[in-house]
Amino acid sequence: MTMKRVVLEIGMGTDIRGADYTKAAVRALRDALWHNSFSAAAALGLDVDDMEVEVNIGVPKPDQVDTAAVLAVLPHGTGTVNVIEGGLEIPDQTGDGSTVIANAAAIVRLDLP
């Protein structure tokens, strides 16, 4: 069999005041996942832990994301996290802080004929 893409989930997360890229990335992935109930695995006679999830995160400073913390959000299956430049950072009016906006895309694959 072959791993086939069965779902694409998209989310957005922010850290309003702390400029914490990991917090924004975790919130983005939760936003993508928590609006869905994935029942295709069970319908196909597969276990939800058979899923492979490719998580893509976009933030302005990719090196500031703790990928292990993002991966820990996944409730089922195994996953990988790729962090690329994207998202947004908006400085506050004092110049001392900023708001970080992260985007997430979770691609779910199952081993199907």
C-alpha atoms as a PDB file:
ATOM      1  CA  MET A   1       0.000   0.000   0.000  1.00  0.00           C
ATOM      2  CA  THR A   2       0.940   3.660  -0.268  1.00  0.00           C
ATOM      3  CA  MET A   3       0.664   6.614   2.085  1.00  0.00           C
ATOM      4  CA  LYS A   4      -2.028   8.862   0.586  1.00  0.00           C
ATOM      5  CA  ARG A   5      -3.082  12.331   1.619  1.00  0.00           C
ATOM      6  CA  VAL A   6      -6.590  12.223   3.041  1.00  0.00           C
ATOM      7  CA  VAL A   7      -6.909  15.526   4.915  1.00  0.00           C
ATOM      8  CA  LEU A   8      -5.490  19.047   4.844  1.00  0.00           C
ATOM      9  CA  GLU A   9      -6.226  21.069   7.975  1.00  0.00           C
ATOM     10  CA  ILE A  10      -5.345  24.768   8.196  1.00  0.00           C
ATOM     11  CA  GLY A  11      -5.089  27.005  11.245  1.00  0.00           C
ATOM     12  CA  MET A  12      -3.841  30.303  12.620  1.00  0.00           C
ATOM     13  CA  GLY A  13      -2.434  31.102  16.042  1.00  0.00           C
ATOM     14  CA  THR A  14      -1.137  34.187  17.800  1.00  0.00           C
ATOM     15  CA  ASP A  15       0.876  35.352  20.746  1.00  0.00           C
ATOM     16  CA  ILE A  16      -0.578  38.811  21.278  1.00  0.00           C
ATOM     17  CA  ARG A  17       2.008  40.345  23.604  1.00  0.00           C
ATOM     18  CA  GLY A  18       4.882  37.956  24.219  1.00  0.00           C
ATOM     19  CA  ALA A  19       6.361  37.475  20.736  1.00  0.00           C
ATOM     20  CA  ASP A  20       6.604  33.754  21.575  1.00  0.00           C
ATOM     21  CA  TYR A  21       6.900  31.944  18.253  1.00  0.00           C
ATOM     22  CA  THR A  22       6.384  28.496  19.765  1.00  0.00           C
ATOM     23  CA  LYS A  23       3.215  29.583  21.559  1.00  0.00           C
ATOM     24  CA  ALA A  24       1.816  31.015  18.306  1.00  0.00           C
ATOM     25  CA  ALA A  25       2.795  27.860  16.363  1.00  0.00           C
ATOM     26  CA  VAL A  26       1.194  25.544  18.941  1.00  0.00           C
ATOM     27  CA  ARG A  27      -1.981  27.618  18.871  1.00  0.00           C
ATOM     28  CA  ALA A  28      -2.023  27.513  15.057  1.00  0.00           C
ATOM     29  CA  LEU A  29      -1.789  23.721  14.999  1.00  0.00           C
ATOM     30  CA  ARG A  30      -4.467  23.409  17.679  1.00  0.00           C
ATOM     31  CA  ASP A  31      -6.693  25.696  15.628  1.00  0.00           C
ATOM     32  CA  ALA A  32      -6.198  23.433  12.617  1.00  0.00           C
ATOM     33  CA  LEU A  33      -6.857  20.211  14.506  1.00  0.00           C
ATOM     34  CA  TRP A  34      -9.491  21.129  17.068  1.00  0.00           C
ATOM     35  CA  HIS A  35     -12.132  22.074  14.501  1.00  0.00           C
ATOM     36  CA  ASN A  36     -12.233  18.568  13.060  1.00  0.00           C
ATOM     37  CA  SER A  37     -13.127  15.050  14.029  1.00  0.00           C
ATOM     38  CA  PHE A  38     -11.205  12.639  11.850  1.00  0.00           C
ATOM     39  CA  SER A  39     -13.328   9.539  11.398  1.00  0.00           C
ATOM     40  CA  ALA A  40     -11.954   8.272   8.067  1.00  0.00           C
ATOM     41  CA  ALA A  41      -9.377   5.988   9.702  1.00  0.00           C
ATOM     42  CA  ALA A  42     -12.039   4.075  11.637  1.00  0.00           C
ATOM     43  CA  ALA A  43     -14.314   3.970   8.574  1.00  0.00           C
ATOM     44  CA  LEU A  44     -11.475   2.309   6.658  1.00  0.00           C
ATOM     45  CA  GLY A  45     -10.748  -0.167   9.447  1.00  0.00           C
ATOM     46  CA  LEU A  46      -7.520   1.591  10.445  1.00  0.00           C
ATOM     47  CA  ASP A  47      -6.369   2.843  13.817  1.00  0.00           C
ATOM     48  CA  VAL A  48      -6.037   6.624  14.218  1.00  0.00           C
ATOM     49  CA  ASP A  49      -2.479   6.047  15.401  1.00  0.00           C
ATOM     50  CA  ASP A  50      -1.668   4.734  11.895  1.00  0.00           C
ATOM     51  CA  MET A  51      -1.859   8.316  10.610  1.00  0.00           C
ATOM     52  CA  GLU A  52       1.243  10.176   9.502  1.00  0.00           C
ATOM     53  CA  VAL A  53       0.884  13.928   9.960  1.00  0.00           C
ATOM     54  CA  GLU A  54       3.121  16.449   8.238  1.00  0.00           C
ATOM     55  CA  VAL A  55       2.879  19.763  10.089  1.00  0.00           C
ATOM     56  CA  ASN A  56       3.988  22.914   8.283  1.00  0.00           C
ATOM     57  CA  ILE A  57       4.327  26.106  10.314  1.00  0.00           C
ATOM     58  CA  GLY A  58       4.909  29.592   8.896  1.00  0.00           C
ATOM     59  CA  VAL A  59       6.407  32.257  11.185  1.00  0.00           C
ATOM     60  CA  PRO A  60       8.740  35.215  10.554  1.00  0.00           C
ATOM     61  CA  LYS A  61      11.600  33.640  12.560  1.00  0.00           C
ATOM     62  CA  PRO A  62      11.492  29.852  12.029  1.00  0.00           C
ATOM     63  CA  ASP A  63      14.518  29.191  14.240  1.00  0.00           C
ATOM     64  CA  GLN A  64      12.560  30.421  17.278  1.00  0.00           C
ATOM     65  CA  VAL A  65       9.991  27.587  17.164  1.00  0.00           C
ATOM     66  CA  ASP A  66      10.410  24.548  19.421  1.00  0.00           C
ATOM     67  CA  THR A  67       9.324  21.806  17.008  1.00  0.00           C
ATOM     68  CA  ALA A  68       9.032  19.213  19.804  1.00  0.00           C
ATOM     69  CA  ALA A  69       6.427  21.403  21.541  1.00  0.00           C
ATOM     70  CA  VAL A  70       4.478  21.697  18.277  1.00  0.00           C
ATOM     71  CA  LEU A  71       4.668  17.947  17.631  1.00  0.00           C
ATOM     72  CA  ALA A  72       3.378  17.258  21.147  1.00  0.00           C
ATOM     73  CA  VAL A  73       0.029  18.791  20.111  1.00  0.00           C
ATOM     74  CA  LEU A  74      -0.788  15.829  17.838  1.00  0.00           C
ATOM     75  CA  PRO A  75      -3.335  13.614  19.613  1.00  0.00           C
ATOM     76  CA  HIS A  76      -2.809  10.599  17.322  1.00  0.00           C
ATOM     77  CA  GLY A  77      -0.377   9.164  14.847  1.00  0.00           C
ATOM     78  CA  THR A  78       3.198  10.108  14.162  1.00  0.00           C
ATOM     79  CA  GLY A  79       4.337  13.382  12.754  1.00  0.00           C
ATOM     80  CA  THR A  80       7.005  15.676  11.453  1.00  0.00           C
ATOM     81  CA  VAL A  81       7.239  19.445  11.779  1.00  0.00           C
ATOM     82  CA  ASN A  82       8.640  21.769   9.124  1.00  0.00           C
ATOM     83  CA  VAL A  83       8.974  25.435  10.018  1.00  0.00           C
ATOM     84  CA  ILE A  84       9.322  27.950   7.214  1.00  0.00           C
ATOM     85  CA  GLU A  85       9.389  31.715   6.936  1.00  0.00           C
ATOM     86  CA  GLY A  86       5.874  33.105   6.840  1.00  0.00           C
ATOM     87  CA  GLY A  87       3.238  34.415   9.200  1.00  0.00           C
ATOM     88  CA  LEU A  88       3.488  37.930  10.572  1.00  0.00           C
ATOM     89  CA  GLU A  89       5.073  39.940  13.356  1.00  0.00           C
ATOM     90  CA  ILE A  90       3.487  43.260  14.243  1.00  0.00           C
ATOM     91  CA  PRO A  91       5.516  45.558  16.521  1.00  0.00           C
ATOM     92  CA  ASP A  92       3.610  47.282  19.324  1.00  0.00           C
ATOM     93  CA  GLN A  93       3.497  51.055  19.522  1.00  0.00           C
ATOM     94  CA  THR A  94       6.304  51.258  22.110  1.00  0.00           C
ATOM     95  CA  GLY A  95       8.693  49.167  20.041  1.00  0.00           C
ATOM     96  CA  ASP A  96       9.361  46.893  23.033  1.00  0.00           C
ATOM     97  CA  GLY A  97       7.122  43.992  22.042  1.00  0.00           C
ATOM     98  CA  SER A  98       5.143  42.537  19.211  1.00  0.00           C
ATOM     99  CA  THR A  99       2.302  40.263  18.197  1.00  0.00           C
ATOM    100  CA  VAL A 100       3.260  37.077  16.359  1.00  0.00           C
ATOM    101  CA  ILE A 101       0.884  35.368  13.949  1.00  0.00           C
ATOM    102  CA  ALA A 102       1.663  31.788  12.881  1.00  0.00           C
ATOM    103  CA  ASN A 103       0.012  29.733  10.175  1.00  0.00           C
ATOM    104  CA  ALA A 104      -0.245  25.952  10.284  1.00  0.00           C
ATOM    105  CA  ALA A 105      -1.063  23.309   7.705  1.00  0.00           C
ATOM    106  CA  ALA A 106      -1.426  19.702   8.838  1.00  0.00           C
ATOM    107  CA  ILE A 107      -1.386  17.100   6.082  1.00  0.00           C
ATOM    108  CA  VAL A 108      -2.757  13.735   7.208  1.00  0.00           C
ATOM    109  CA  ARG A 109      -1.768  10.589   5.341  1.00  0.00           C
ATOM    110  CA  LEU A 110      -2.987   7.000   5.666  1.00  0.00           C
ATOM    111  CA  ASP A 111      -1.645   3.799   4.167  1.00  0.00           C
ATOM    112  CA  LEU A 112      -4.250   3.050   1.492  1.00  0.00           C
ATOM    113  CA  PRO A 113      -4.385   0.811  -1.601  1.00  0.00           C
END
